[in-house]
Amino acid sequence: MHGELVTHRLDDVIALFDGLFLPRFNTRLVRGGDEPLYLPADDRVPWHRVIFARGFYASALHEISHWCIAGEQRRLQEDYGYWYLPDGRSAEQQRRFEQAEVAPQALEMLFSRACRLRFHVSVDNLGGEVEVDREAFRDRVAQRAARYEREGLPCRAAAFRAALQAFYQRGEPMQSALSEGLRVLDQLRSRASHAALPS
């Protein structure tokens, strides 16, 4: 597929995410409105929802990145139990925001590469009292992405990236890309459960 124009269809990324994570984590990727949101299953909806904003492909990758990092207890809480600070952050709030965003945006960078999509860091702080150093933040994100490459991605992130690479880089059909992602997911989960057993 090298040299060919890659089409980034939302239906494809939704099918990849749901195919990997609905069976094993009861979680779906959902196209939302203006604001992204994570909602755990409830009385009305029997599955967890990673909701991305306004039908943007990059927003889908960003919200998937947050989900891939969130632990089991966090995934039982709306928006993982975090309060999101909107634009207009103070210098200290912006520092904390960037600190919390380095790891998920590093995963988003790796996902973007896997599906051959241009990646842009997100540090927007419209109306804030502090000037944002976008380049310095991008460097921190790139360094974290390189560390993930060296040390290994979180289990769900590794599986999702494997499926993206199969589908977008090798041009494999959806079912084959899902099989590759599920193979990685099951292999890493099995390894993690063996490591947790007392010796």
N, C-alpha and C. Protein backbone atom coordinates (compact mmCIF):
# COMPACT_ATOMS: atom_id res chain seq x y z
N MET A 1 0.81 -1.20 0.00
CA MET A 1 0.00 0.00 0.00
C MET A 1 0.85 1.26 0.00
N HIS A 2 2.15 1.13 0.08
CA HIS A 2 3.01 2.31 0.12
C HIS A 2 2.83 3.12 -1.14
N GLY A 3 2.74 4.46 -0.97
CA GLY A 3 2.56 5.32 -2.12
C GLY A 3 1.10 5.55 -2.47
N GLU A 4 0.22 4.66 -2.03
CA GLU A 4 -1.20 4.84 -2.31
C GLU A 4 -1.79 5.82 -1.32
N LEU A 5 -2.87 6.48 -1.75
CA LEU A 5 -3.59 7.38 -0.86
C LEU A 5 -4.41 6.53 0.11
N VAL A 6 -4.27 6.81 1.41
CA VAL A 6 -5.01 6.06 2.41
C VAL A 6 -6.28 6.83 2.76
N THR A 7 -7.39 6.15 2.74
CA THR A 7 -8.66 6.76 3.10
C THR A 7 -8.96 6.41 4.55
N HIS A 8 -9.18 7.44 5.36
CA HIS A 8 -9.47 7.23 6.78
C HIS A 8 -10.97 7.36 7.01
N ARG A 9 -11.65 6.22 6.93
CA ARG A 9 -13.11 6.20 7.11
C ARG A 9 -13.43 5.90 8.57
N LEU A 10 -14.35 6.68 9.13
CA LEU A 10 -14.74 6.46 10.52
C LEU A 10 -15.32 5.06 10.72
N ASP A 11 -16.06 4.58 9.72
CA ASP A 11 -16.65 3.24 9.86
C ASP A 11 -15.57 2.18 10.05
N ASP A 12 -14.40 2.38 9.43
CA ASP A 12 -13.32 1.40 9.56
C ASP A 12 -12.73 1.41 10.96
N VAL A 13 -12.44 2.61 11.49
CA VAL A 13 -11.83 2.65 12.83
C VAL A 13 -12.82 2.17 13.89
N ILE A 14 -14.11 2.46 13.68
CA ILE A 14 -15.14 1.96 14.61
C ILE A 14 -15.21 0.44 14.53
N ALA A 15 -15.17 -0.11 13.32
CA ALA A 15 -15.23 -1.57 13.16
C ALA A 15 -14.00 -2.24 13.78
N LEU A 16 -12.83 -1.63 13.62
CA LEU A 16 -11.61 -2.19 14.21
C LEU A 16 -11.68 -2.16 15.74
N PHE A 17 -12.09 -1.02 16.29
CA PHE A 17 -12.17 -0.91 17.75
C PHE A 17 -13.21 -1.88 18.31
N ASP A 18 -14.43 -1.83 17.75
CA ASP A 18 -15.50 -2.68 18.28
C ASP A 18 -15.18 -4.16 18.11
N GLY A 19 -14.57 -4.50 16.97
CA GLY A 19 -14.23 -5.90 16.72
C GLY A 19 -13.21 -6.43 17.71
N LEU A 20 -12.30 -5.55 18.15
CA LEU A 20 -11.28 -5.96 19.12
C LEU A 20 -11.80 -5.95 20.54
N PHE A 21 -12.55 -4.92 20.90
CA PHE A 21 -12.79 -4.65 22.32
C PHE A 21 -14.21 -4.87 22.80
N LEU A 22 -15.18 -4.99 21.89
CA LEU A 22 -16.53 -5.29 22.36
C LEU A 22 -16.60 -6.70 22.96
N PRO A 23 -16.01 -7.72 22.29
CA PRO A 23 -16.13 -9.08 22.85
C PRO A 23 -15.41 -9.25 24.20
N ARG A 24 -14.25 -8.63 24.38
CA ARG A 24 -13.45 -8.89 25.58
C ARG A 24 -13.54 -7.81 26.65
N PHE A 25 -13.95 -6.59 26.26
CA PHE A 25 -14.03 -5.49 27.23
C PHE A 25 -15.39 -4.80 27.24
N ASN A 26 -16.35 -5.34 26.48
CA ASN A 26 -17.71 -4.80 26.45
C ASN A 26 -17.71 -3.29 26.19
N THR A 27 -16.86 -2.87 25.23
CA THR A 27 -16.68 -1.43 24.98
C THR A 27 -16.80 -1.13 23.49
N ARG A 28 -17.51 -0.05 23.19
CA ARG A 28 -17.71 0.39 21.80
C ARG A 28 -17.17 1.80 21.60
N LEU A 29 -16.79 2.09 20.36
CA LEU A 29 -16.39 3.43 19.93
C LEU A 29 -17.61 4.09 19.29
N VAL A 30 -17.95 5.31 19.76
CA VAL A 30 -19.20 5.95 19.34
C VAL A 30 -18.92 7.37 18.84
N ARG A 31 -19.51 7.70 17.70
CA ARG A 31 -19.41 9.05 17.15
C ARG A 31 -20.31 9.97 17.97
N GLY A 32 -19.74 11.09 18.49
CA GLY A 32 -20.52 11.95 19.37
C GLY A 32 -20.70 13.35 18.82
N GLY A 33 -21.01 14.29 19.74
CA GLY A 33 -21.25 15.68 19.37
C GLY A 33 -20.00 16.52 19.56
N ASP A 34 -20.17 17.68 20.22
CA ASP A 34 -19.07 18.63 20.34
C ASP A 34 -17.97 18.18 21.29
N GLU A 35 -18.32 17.45 22.34
CA GLU A 35 -17.34 17.09 23.35
C GLU A 35 -17.16 15.59 23.44
N PRO A 36 -15.90 15.13 23.54
CA PRO A 36 -15.67 13.70 23.76
C PRO A 36 -16.07 13.32 25.19
N LEU A 37 -16.35 12.04 25.40
CA LEU A 37 -16.80 11.59 26.71
C LEU A 37 -16.61 10.07 26.80
N TYR A 38 -16.30 9.59 27.99
CA TYR A 38 -16.32 8.14 28.23
C TYR A 38 -17.46 7.85 29.20
N LEU A 39 -18.32 6.91 28.82
CA LEU A 39 -19.44 6.52 29.68
C LEU A 39 -19.41 5.02 29.93
N PRO A 40 -19.40 4.61 31.21
CA PRO A 40 -19.49 3.18 31.50
C PRO A 40 -20.90 2.67 31.22
N ALA A 41 -21.03 1.37 31.10
CA ALA A 41 -22.34 0.75 30.90
C ALA A 41 -23.28 1.15 32.04
N ASP A 42 -24.58 1.23 31.74
CA ASP A 42 -25.56 1.58 32.77
C ASP A 42 -26.86 0.82 32.51
N ASP A 43 -27.91 1.22 33.19
CA ASP A 43 -29.20 0.51 33.06
C ASP A 43 -29.77 0.60 31.65
N ARG A 44 -29.44 1.69 30.95
CA ARG A 44 -30.02 1.89 29.61
C ARG A 44 -29.14 1.34 28.49
N VAL A 45 -27.83 1.42 28.67
CA VAL A 45 -26.90 0.97 27.62
C VAL A 45 -25.98 -0.10 28.21
N PRO A 46 -26.00 -1.31 27.67
CA PRO A 46 -25.30 -2.43 28.32
C PRO A 46 -23.80 -2.51 28.03
N TRP A 47 -23.25 -1.55 27.31
CA TRP A 47 -21.81 -1.58 27.04
C TRP A 47 -21.20 -0.22 27.36
N HIS A 48 -19.88 -0.22 27.60
CA HIS A 48 -19.14 1.01 27.83
C HIS A 48 -18.96 1.73 26.49
N ARG A 49 -18.87 3.08 26.55
CA ARG A 49 -18.79 3.86 25.31
C ARG A 49 -17.63 4.85 25.35
N VAL A 50 -16.75 4.75 24.36
CA VAL A 50 -15.71 5.75 24.12
C VAL A 50 -16.28 6.67 23.04
N ILE A 51 -16.69 7.87 23.45
CA ILE A 51 -17.39 8.78 22.54
C ILE A 51 -16.41 9.85 22.06
N PHE A 52 -16.23 9.93 20.74
CA PHE A 52 -15.30 10.92 20.18
C PHE A 52 -16.07 12.07 19.55
N ALA A 53 -15.40 13.20 19.39
CA ALA A 53 -16.08 14.46 19.03
C ALA A 53 -16.27 14.64 17.53
N ARG A 54 -17.48 15.07 17.19
CA ARG A 54 -17.81 15.63 15.87
C ARG A 54 -17.38 14.80 14.66
N GLY A 55 -17.26 13.53 14.84
CA GLY A 55 -16.92 12.70 13.69
C GLY A 55 -15.53 12.91 13.16
N PHE A 56 -14.59 13.35 14.00
CA PHE A 56 -13.20 13.53 13.57
C PHE A 56 -12.41 12.26 13.81
N TYR A 57 -11.70 11.82 12.79
CA TYR A 57 -10.89 10.60 12.90
C TYR A 57 -9.81 10.76 13.98
N ALA A 58 -9.15 11.94 14.00
CA ALA A 58 -8.09 12.17 14.99
C ALA A 58 -8.66 12.16 16.41
N SER A 59 -9.87 12.66 16.57
CA SER A 59 -10.51 12.64 17.89
C SER A 59 -10.77 11.20 18.32
N ALA A 60 -11.15 10.35 17.38
CA ALA A 60 -11.36 8.93 17.71
C ALA A 60 -10.06 8.32 18.23
N LEU A 61 -8.95 8.55 17.53
CA LEU A 61 -7.66 8.01 17.97
C LEU A 61 -7.27 8.55 19.34
N HIS A 62 -7.54 9.83 19.58
CA HIS A 62 -7.18 10.45 20.86
C HIS A 62 -7.97 9.82 22.00
N GLU A 63 -9.27 9.65 21.81
CA GLU A 63 -10.10 9.08 22.88
C GLU A 63 -9.77 7.59 23.10
N ILE A 64 -9.43 6.88 22.04
CA ILE A 64 -9.00 5.48 22.19
C ILE A 64 -7.72 5.43 23.01
N SER A 65 -6.82 6.39 22.80
CA SER A 65 -5.57 6.43 23.55
C SER A 65 -5.82 6.55 25.05
N HIS A 66 -6.74 7.45 25.42
CA HIS A 66 -7.08 7.59 26.84
C HIS A 66 -7.64 6.28 27.39
N TRP A 67 -8.50 5.63 26.62
CA TRP A 67 -9.11 4.38 27.07
C TRP A 67 -8.05 3.29 27.24
N CYS A 68 -7.07 3.26 26.36
CA CYS A 68 -6.02 2.23 26.42
C CYS A 68 -5.15 2.37 27.67
N ILE A 69 -5.11 3.55 28.26
CA ILE A 69 -4.29 3.79 29.45
C ILE A 69 -5.10 3.59 30.73
N ALA A 70 -6.40 3.86 30.66
CA ALA A 70 -7.25 3.82 31.86
C ALA A 70 -7.30 2.41 32.45
N GLY A 71 -7.10 2.30 33.76
CA GLY A 71 -7.16 1.03 34.45
C GLY A 71 -8.60 0.55 34.63
N GLU A 72 -8.74 -0.66 35.16
CA GLU A 72 -10.05 -1.29 35.28
C GLU A 72 -11.03 -0.46 36.12
N GLN A 73 -10.59 0.05 37.26
CA GLN A 73 -11.49 0.85 38.11
C GLN A 73 -11.84 2.18 37.45
N ARG A 74 -10.89 2.79 36.79
CA ARG A 74 -11.15 4.04 36.07
C ARG A 74 -12.23 3.84 35.01
N ARG A 75 -12.21 2.67 34.35
CA ARG A 75 -13.16 2.42 33.26
C ARG A 75 -14.58 2.18 33.76
N LEU A 76 -14.78 2.16 35.06
CA LEU A 76 -16.13 2.05 35.63
C LEU A 76 -16.71 3.42 35.98
N GLN A 77 -15.95 4.50 35.71
CA GLN A 77 -16.38 5.85 36.08
C GLN A 77 -16.53 6.72 34.83
N GLU A 78 -17.50 7.62 34.87
CA GLU A 78 -17.67 8.56 33.76
C GLU A 78 -16.39 9.36 33.58
N ASP A 79 -15.95 9.47 32.33
CA ASP A 79 -14.69 10.15 31.99
C ASP A 79 -13.53 9.70 32.87
N TYR A 80 -13.56 8.42 33.24
CA TYR A 80 -12.50 7.78 34.04
C TYR A 80 -12.31 8.44 35.40
N GLY A 81 -13.31 9.21 35.86
CA GLY A 81 -13.21 9.85 37.16
C GLY A 81 -12.37 11.11 37.17
N TYR A 82 -11.99 11.61 35.99
CA TYR A 82 -11.18 12.84 35.92
C TYR A 82 -12.07 14.02 35.60
N TRP A 83 -11.68 15.20 36.09
CA TRP A 83 -12.33 16.45 35.70
C TRP A 83 -11.49 17.08 34.60
N TYR A 84 -12.11 17.34 33.47
CA TYR A 84 -11.38 17.96 32.37
C TYR A 84 -11.37 19.47 32.56
N LEU A 85 -10.20 20.09 32.46
CA LEU A 85 -10.09 21.54 32.56
C LEU A 85 -10.27 22.16 31.17
N PRO A 86 -11.29 22.97 30.99
CA PRO A 86 -11.51 23.56 29.66
C PRO A 86 -10.45 24.62 29.35
N ASP A 87 -10.56 25.21 28.16
CA ASP A 87 -9.64 26.29 27.77
C ASP A 87 -9.73 27.43 28.79
N GLY A 88 -8.66 28.22 28.85
CA GLY A 88 -8.60 29.31 29.82
C GLY A 88 -7.87 28.88 31.08
N ARG A 89 -6.97 27.90 30.94
CA ARG A 89 -6.25 27.37 32.10
C ARG A 89 -5.15 28.32 32.56
N SER A 90 -4.88 28.31 33.86
CA SER A 90 -3.75 29.05 34.43
C SER A 90 -2.46 28.32 34.07
N ALA A 91 -1.33 28.93 34.41
CA ALA A 91 -0.04 28.30 34.12
C ALA A 91 0.07 26.94 34.82
N GLU A 92 -0.33 26.87 36.09
CA GLU A 92 -0.25 25.61 36.83
C GLU A 92 -1.23 24.57 36.27
N GLN A 93 -2.43 25.01 35.95
CA GLN A 93 -3.41 24.09 35.35
C GLN A 93 -2.93 23.58 34.00
N GLN A 94 -2.30 24.45 33.20
CA GLN A 94 -1.78 24.04 31.90
C GLN A 94 -0.65 23.04 32.07
N ARG A 95 0.20 23.27 33.08
CA ARG A 95 1.30 22.33 33.34
C ARG A 95 0.75 20.94 33.68
N ARG A 96 -0.28 20.91 34.54
CA ARG A 96 -0.89 19.62 34.92
C ARG A 96 -1.59 18.98 33.74
N PHE A 97 -2.25 19.80 32.92
CA PHE A 97 -2.93 19.29 31.73
C PHE A 97 -1.93 18.61 30.80
N GLU A 98 -0.81 19.30 30.53
CA GLU A 98 0.19 18.74 29.62
C GLU A 98 0.82 17.48 30.20
N GLN A 99 1.05 17.47 31.51
CA GLN A 99 1.62 16.29 32.17
C GLN A 99 0.70 15.08 31.98
N ALA A 100 -0.60 15.30 32.13
CA ALA A 100 -1.57 14.21 31.99
C ALA A 100 -1.75 13.78 30.54
N GLU A 101 -1.42 14.67 29.60
CA GLU A 101 -1.67 14.39 28.18
C GLU A 101 -0.48 13.76 27.46
N VAL A 102 0.71 13.75 28.05
CA VAL A 102 1.88 13.24 27.34
C VAL A 102 1.69 11.78 26.92
N ALA A 103 1.32 10.91 27.86
CA ALA A 103 1.21 9.48 27.54
C ALA A 103 0.11 9.18 26.52
N PRO A 104 -1.14 9.69 26.72
CA PRO A 104 -2.15 9.41 25.70
C PRO A 104 -1.81 9.98 24.33
N GLN A 105 -1.20 11.17 24.30
CA GLN A 105 -0.86 11.72 22.98
C GLN A 105 0.31 10.98 22.36
N ALA A 106 1.17 10.39 23.17
CA ALA A 106 2.23 9.53 22.62
C ALA A 106 1.62 8.31 21.95
N LEU A 107 0.61 7.71 22.58
CA LEU A 107 -0.08 6.58 21.95
C LEU A 107 -0.80 7.03 20.68
N GLU A 108 -1.43 8.20 20.76
CA GLU A 108 -2.12 8.73 19.57
C GLU A 108 -1.14 8.93 18.43
N MET A 109 0.07 9.39 18.74
CA MET A 109 1.11 9.55 17.72
C MET A 109 1.43 8.21 17.07
N LEU A 110 1.57 7.16 17.88
CA LEU A 110 1.88 5.83 17.35
C LEU A 110 0.71 5.27 16.54
N PHE A 111 -0.51 5.50 17.00
CA PHE A 111 -1.69 5.07 16.24
C PHE A 111 -1.75 5.80 14.90
N SER A 112 -1.46 7.10 14.93
CA SER A 112 -1.50 7.90 13.69
C SER A 112 -0.49 7.37 12.68
N ARG A 113 0.72 7.07 13.17
CA ARG A 113 1.73 6.49 12.28
C ARG A 113 1.25 5.15 11.71
N ALA A 114 0.63 4.35 12.56
CA ALA A 114 0.19 3.02 12.15
C ALA A 114 -0.83 3.09 11.02
N CYS A 115 -1.67 4.12 11.04
CA CYS A 115 -2.68 4.21 9.97
C CYS A 115 -2.34 5.31 8.97
N ARG A 116 -1.09 5.81 9.05
CA ARG A 116 -0.57 6.75 8.07
C ARG A 116 -1.41 8.02 8.00
N LEU A 117 -1.66 8.57 9.19
CA LEU A 117 -2.39 9.82 9.34
C LEU A 117 -1.47 10.85 9.98
N ARG A 118 -1.50 12.06 9.50
CA ARG A 118 -0.66 13.12 10.08
C ARG A 118 -1.10 13.38 11.52
N PHE A 119 -0.13 13.47 12.44
CA PHE A 119 -0.43 13.68 13.85
C PHE A 119 -0.15 15.13 14.25
N HIS A 120 -1.05 15.70 15.04
CA HIS A 120 -0.86 17.05 15.59
C HIS A 120 -1.04 16.97 17.10
N VAL A 121 -0.09 17.50 17.87
CA VAL A 121 -0.29 17.54 19.32
C VAL A 121 -1.42 18.52 19.63
N SER A 122 -2.05 18.29 20.78
CA SER A 122 -3.14 19.15 21.21
C SER A 122 -2.78 19.76 22.56
N VAL A 123 -2.51 21.07 22.56
CA VAL A 123 -2.18 21.77 23.81
C VAL A 123 -3.04 23.03 23.94
N ASP A 124 -4.06 23.14 23.13
CA ASP A 124 -4.84 24.37 23.05
C ASP A 124 -5.26 24.86 24.43
N ASN A 125 -5.11 26.15 24.63
CA ASN A 125 -5.52 26.78 25.88
C ASN A 125 -6.03 28.18 25.54
N LEU A 126 -7.11 28.23 24.78
CA LEU A 126 -7.63 29.51 24.30
C LEU A 126 -8.07 30.35 25.49
N GLY A 127 -7.62 31.58 25.50
CA GLY A 127 -8.02 32.48 26.58
C GLY A 127 -7.27 32.24 27.88
N GLY A 128 -6.27 31.36 27.86
CA GLY A 128 -5.52 31.08 29.08
C GLY A 128 -4.50 32.18 29.34
N GLU A 129 -3.98 32.18 30.56
CA GLU A 129 -3.04 33.24 30.95
C GLU A 129 -1.61 32.91 30.58
N VAL A 130 -1.39 31.74 30.00
CA VAL A 130 -0.02 31.31 29.75
C VAL A 130 0.17 31.00 28.27
N GLU A 131 1.34 31.37 27.75
CA GLU A 131 1.70 31.04 26.36
C GLU A 131 2.12 29.57 26.32
N VAL A 132 1.58 28.82 25.38
CA VAL A 132 1.87 27.39 25.29
C VAL A 132 3.08 27.17 24.39
N ASP A 133 4.05 26.39 24.88
CA ASP A 133 5.23 26.04 24.08
C ASP A 133 4.92 24.72 23.36
N ARG A 134 4.33 24.85 22.19
CA ARG A 134 3.85 23.69 21.43
C ARG A 134 5.00 22.74 21.05
N GLU A 135 6.13 23.32 20.64
CA GLU A 135 7.27 22.49 20.21
C GLU A 135 7.84 21.67 21.36
N ALA A 136 7.97 22.31 22.53
CA ALA A 136 8.50 21.59 23.69
C ALA A 136 7.57 20.45 24.07
N PHE A 137 6.26 20.69 24.00
CA PHE A 137 5.30 19.65 24.33
C PHE A 137 5.36 18.52 23.30
N ARG A 138 5.47 18.89 22.03
CA ARG A 138 5.57 17.87 20.99
C ARG A 138 6.81 17.00 21.20
N ASP A 139 7.91 17.61 21.62
CA ASP A 139 9.14 16.85 21.90
C ASP A 139 8.91 15.84 23.04
N ARG A 140 8.21 16.28 24.08
CA ARG A 140 7.92 15.37 25.20
C ARG A 140 7.04 14.21 24.75
N VAL A 141 6.07 14.50 23.91
CA VAL A 141 5.18 13.45 23.39
C VAL A 141 5.99 12.46 22.53
N ALA A 142 6.86 12.99 21.67
CA ALA A 142 7.68 12.13 20.81
C ALA A 142 8.63 11.27 21.64
N GLN A 143 9.21 11.83 22.70
CA GLN A 143 10.09 11.05 23.58
C GLN A 143 9.32 9.93 24.28
N ARG A 144 8.08 10.23 24.69
CA ARG A 144 7.26 9.20 25.36
C ARG A 144 6.88 8.11 24.36
N ALA A 145 6.59 8.50 23.12
CA ALA A 145 6.27 7.52 22.08
C ALA A 145 7.46 6.60 21.83
N ALA A 146 8.68 7.19 21.80
CA ALA A 146 9.89 6.39 21.60
C ALA A 146 10.09 5.42 22.76
N ARG A 147 9.75 5.87 23.97
CA ARG A 147 9.88 4.98 25.13
C ARG A 147 8.89 3.81 25.04
N TYR A 148 7.66 4.11 24.60
CA TYR A 148 6.69 3.03 24.36
C TYR A 148 7.24 2.03 23.36
N GLU A 149 7.86 2.53 22.30
CA GLU A 149 8.43 1.65 21.27
C GLU A 149 9.51 0.74 21.88
N ARG A 150 10.33 1.30 22.76
CA ARG A 150 11.41 0.52 23.39
C ARG A 150 10.88 -0.48 24.41
N GLU A 151 9.96 -0.01 25.25
CA GLU A 151 9.54 -0.80 26.42
C GLU A 151 8.25 -1.58 26.21
N GLY A 152 7.54 -1.27 25.13
CA GLY A 152 6.28 -1.96 24.86
C GLY A 152 5.08 -1.09 25.19
N LEU A 153 4.05 -1.21 24.38
CA LEU A 153 2.82 -0.46 24.58
C LEU A 153 1.93 -1.18 25.60
N PRO A 154 1.02 -0.45 26.26
CA PRO A 154 0.03 -1.14 27.07
C PRO A 154 -0.71 -2.18 26.21
N CYS A 155 -1.20 -3.22 26.84
CA CYS A 155 -1.78 -4.37 26.14
C CYS A 155 -2.82 -3.99 25.08
N ARG A 156 -3.84 -3.22 25.47
CA ARG A 156 -4.90 -2.87 24.51
C ARG A 156 -4.38 -1.97 23.40
N ALA A 157 -3.44 -1.08 23.76
CA ALA A 157 -2.85 -0.20 22.74
C ALA A 157 -2.04 -1.00 21.73
N ALA A 158 -1.30 -1.98 22.20
CA ALA A 158 -0.49 -2.82 21.29
C ALA A 158 -1.40 -3.58 20.32
N ALA A 159 -2.52 -4.08 20.83
CA ALA A 159 -3.46 -4.82 19.98
C ALA A 159 -4.08 -3.91 18.94
N PHE A 160 -4.49 -2.72 19.37
CA PHE A 160 -5.12 -1.78 18.44
C PHE A 160 -4.13 -1.34 17.37
N ARG A 161 -2.88 -1.05 17.78
CA ARG A 161 -1.88 -0.65 16.79
C ARG A 161 -1.62 -1.78 15.79
N ALA A 162 -1.57 -3.02 16.28
CA ALA A 162 -1.34 -4.15 15.37
C ALA A 162 -2.44 -4.25 14.32
N ALA A 163 -3.69 -4.03 14.75
CA ALA A 163 -4.81 -4.08 13.81
C ALA A 163 -4.74 -2.93 12.81
N LEU A 164 -4.39 -1.72 13.30
CA LEU A 164 -4.24 -0.57 12.39
C LEU A 164 -3.15 -0.83 11.34
N GLN A 165 -2.01 -1.37 11.79
CA GLN A 165 -0.91 -1.64 10.86
C GLN A 165 -1.31 -2.66 9.81
N ALA A 166 -2.01 -3.70 10.24
CA ALA A 166 -2.44 -4.73 9.29
C ALA A 166 -3.38 -4.14 8.25
N PHE A 167 -4.31 -3.31 8.71
CA PHE A 167 -5.35 -2.78 7.83
C PHE A 167 -4.82 -1.67 6.92
N TYR A 168 -4.09 -0.70 7.51
CA TYR A 168 -3.69 0.49 6.76
C TYR A 168 -2.33 0.36 6.08
N GLN A 169 -1.40 -0.38 6.68
CA GLN A 169 -0.06 -0.48 6.07
C GLN A 169 0.06 -1.69 5.16
N ARG A 170 -0.50 -2.81 5.58
CA ARG A 170 -0.37 -4.03 4.76
C ARG A 170 -1.58 -4.28 3.87
N GLY A 171 -2.63 -3.47 4.06
CA GLY A 171 -3.81 -3.59 3.20
C GLY A 171 -4.60 -4.87 3.41
N GLU A 172 -4.50 -5.44 4.62
CA GLU A 172 -5.25 -6.68 4.87
C GLU A 172 -6.73 -6.37 5.03
N PRO A 173 -7.60 -7.33 4.70
CA PRO A 173 -9.03 -7.09 4.90
C PRO A 173 -9.36 -6.94 6.39
N MET A 174 -10.51 -6.35 6.67
CA MET A 174 -10.91 -6.06 8.05
C MET A 174 -10.80 -7.28 8.96
N GLN A 175 -11.33 -8.41 8.51
CA GLN A 175 -11.35 -9.59 9.39
C GLN A 175 -9.93 -10.08 9.72
N SER A 176 -9.06 -9.99 8.75
CA SER A 176 -7.68 -10.40 8.95
C SER A 176 -6.96 -9.44 9.90
N ALA A 177 -7.24 -8.13 9.77
CA ALA A 177 -6.65 -7.13 10.66
C ALA A 177 -7.13 -7.35 12.09
N LEU A 178 -8.42 -7.67 12.23
CA LEU A 178 -8.96 -7.95 13.56
C LEU A 178 -8.33 -9.20 14.16
N SER A 179 -8.13 -10.22 13.34
CA SER A 179 -7.50 -11.45 13.83
C SER A 179 -6.10 -11.17 14.36
N GLU A 180 -5.37 -10.30 13.66
CA GLU A 180 -4.02 -9.94 14.10
C GLU A 180 -4.08 -9.19 15.43
N GLY A 181 -4.99 -8.22 15.55
CA GLY A 181 -5.14 -7.48 16.79
C GLY A 181 -5.54 -8.37 17.95
N LEU A 182 -6.48 -9.29 17.71
CA LEU A 182 -6.93 -10.20 18.77
C LEU A 182 -5.83 -11.16 19.19
N ARG A 183 -5.01 -11.57 18.23
CA ARG A 183 -3.88 -12.46 18.56
C ARG A 183 -2.92 -11.75 19.51
N VAL A 184 -2.59 -10.48 19.21
CA VAL A 184 -1.70 -9.70 20.07
C VAL A 184 -2.35 -9.48 21.44
N LEU A 185 -3.63 -9.14 21.44
CA LEU A 185 -4.34 -8.89 22.69
C LEU A 185 -4.33 -10.12 23.59
N ASP A 186 -4.68 -11.25 23.02
CA ASP A 186 -4.76 -12.48 23.84
C ASP A 186 -3.38 -12.92 24.31
N GLN A 187 -2.39 -12.76 23.45
CA GLN A 187 -1.01 -13.12 23.82
C GLN A 187 -0.52 -12.27 25.00
N LEU A 188 -0.75 -10.96 24.93
CA LEU A 188 -0.28 -10.06 25.99
C LEU A 188 -1.08 -10.23 27.27
N ARG A 189 -2.38 -10.47 27.15
CA ARG A 189 -3.20 -10.68 28.36
C ARG A 189 -2.81 -11.98 29.05
N SER A 190 -2.51 -12.99 28.25
CA SER A 190 -2.09 -14.29 28.81
C SER A 190 -0.75 -14.13 29.53
N ARG A 191 0.16 -13.40 28.91
CA ARG A 191 1.47 -13.17 29.53
C ARG A 191 1.33 -12.40 30.84
N ALA A 192 0.44 -11.39 30.85
CA ALA A 192 0.24 -10.59 32.05
C ALA A 192 -0.38 -11.41 33.17
N SER A 193 -1.32 -12.30 32.84
CA SER A 193 -1.96 -13.10 33.89
C SER A 193 -1.00 -14.14 34.45
N HIS A 194 -0.09 -14.67 33.60
CA HIS A 194 0.93 -15.61 34.09
C HIS A 194 1.92 -14.90 35.01
N ALA A 195 2.25 -13.64 34.63
CA ALA A 195 3.20 -12.88 35.45
C ALA A 195 2.61 -12.56 36.82
N ALA A 196 1.26 -12.46 36.88
CA ALA A 196 0.61 -12.12 38.15
C ALA A 196 0.46 -13.32 39.08
N LEU A 197 0.64 -14.53 38.54
CA LEU A 197 0.49 -15.73 39.37
C LEU A 197 1.66 -15.87 40.33
N PRO A 198 1.40 -16.30 41.57
CA PRO A 198 2.53 -16.51 42.50
C PRO A 198 3.40 -17.66 42.03
N SER A 199 4.71 -17.52 42.17
CA SER A 199 5.61 -18.57 41.66
C SER A 199 5.82 -19.65 42.71
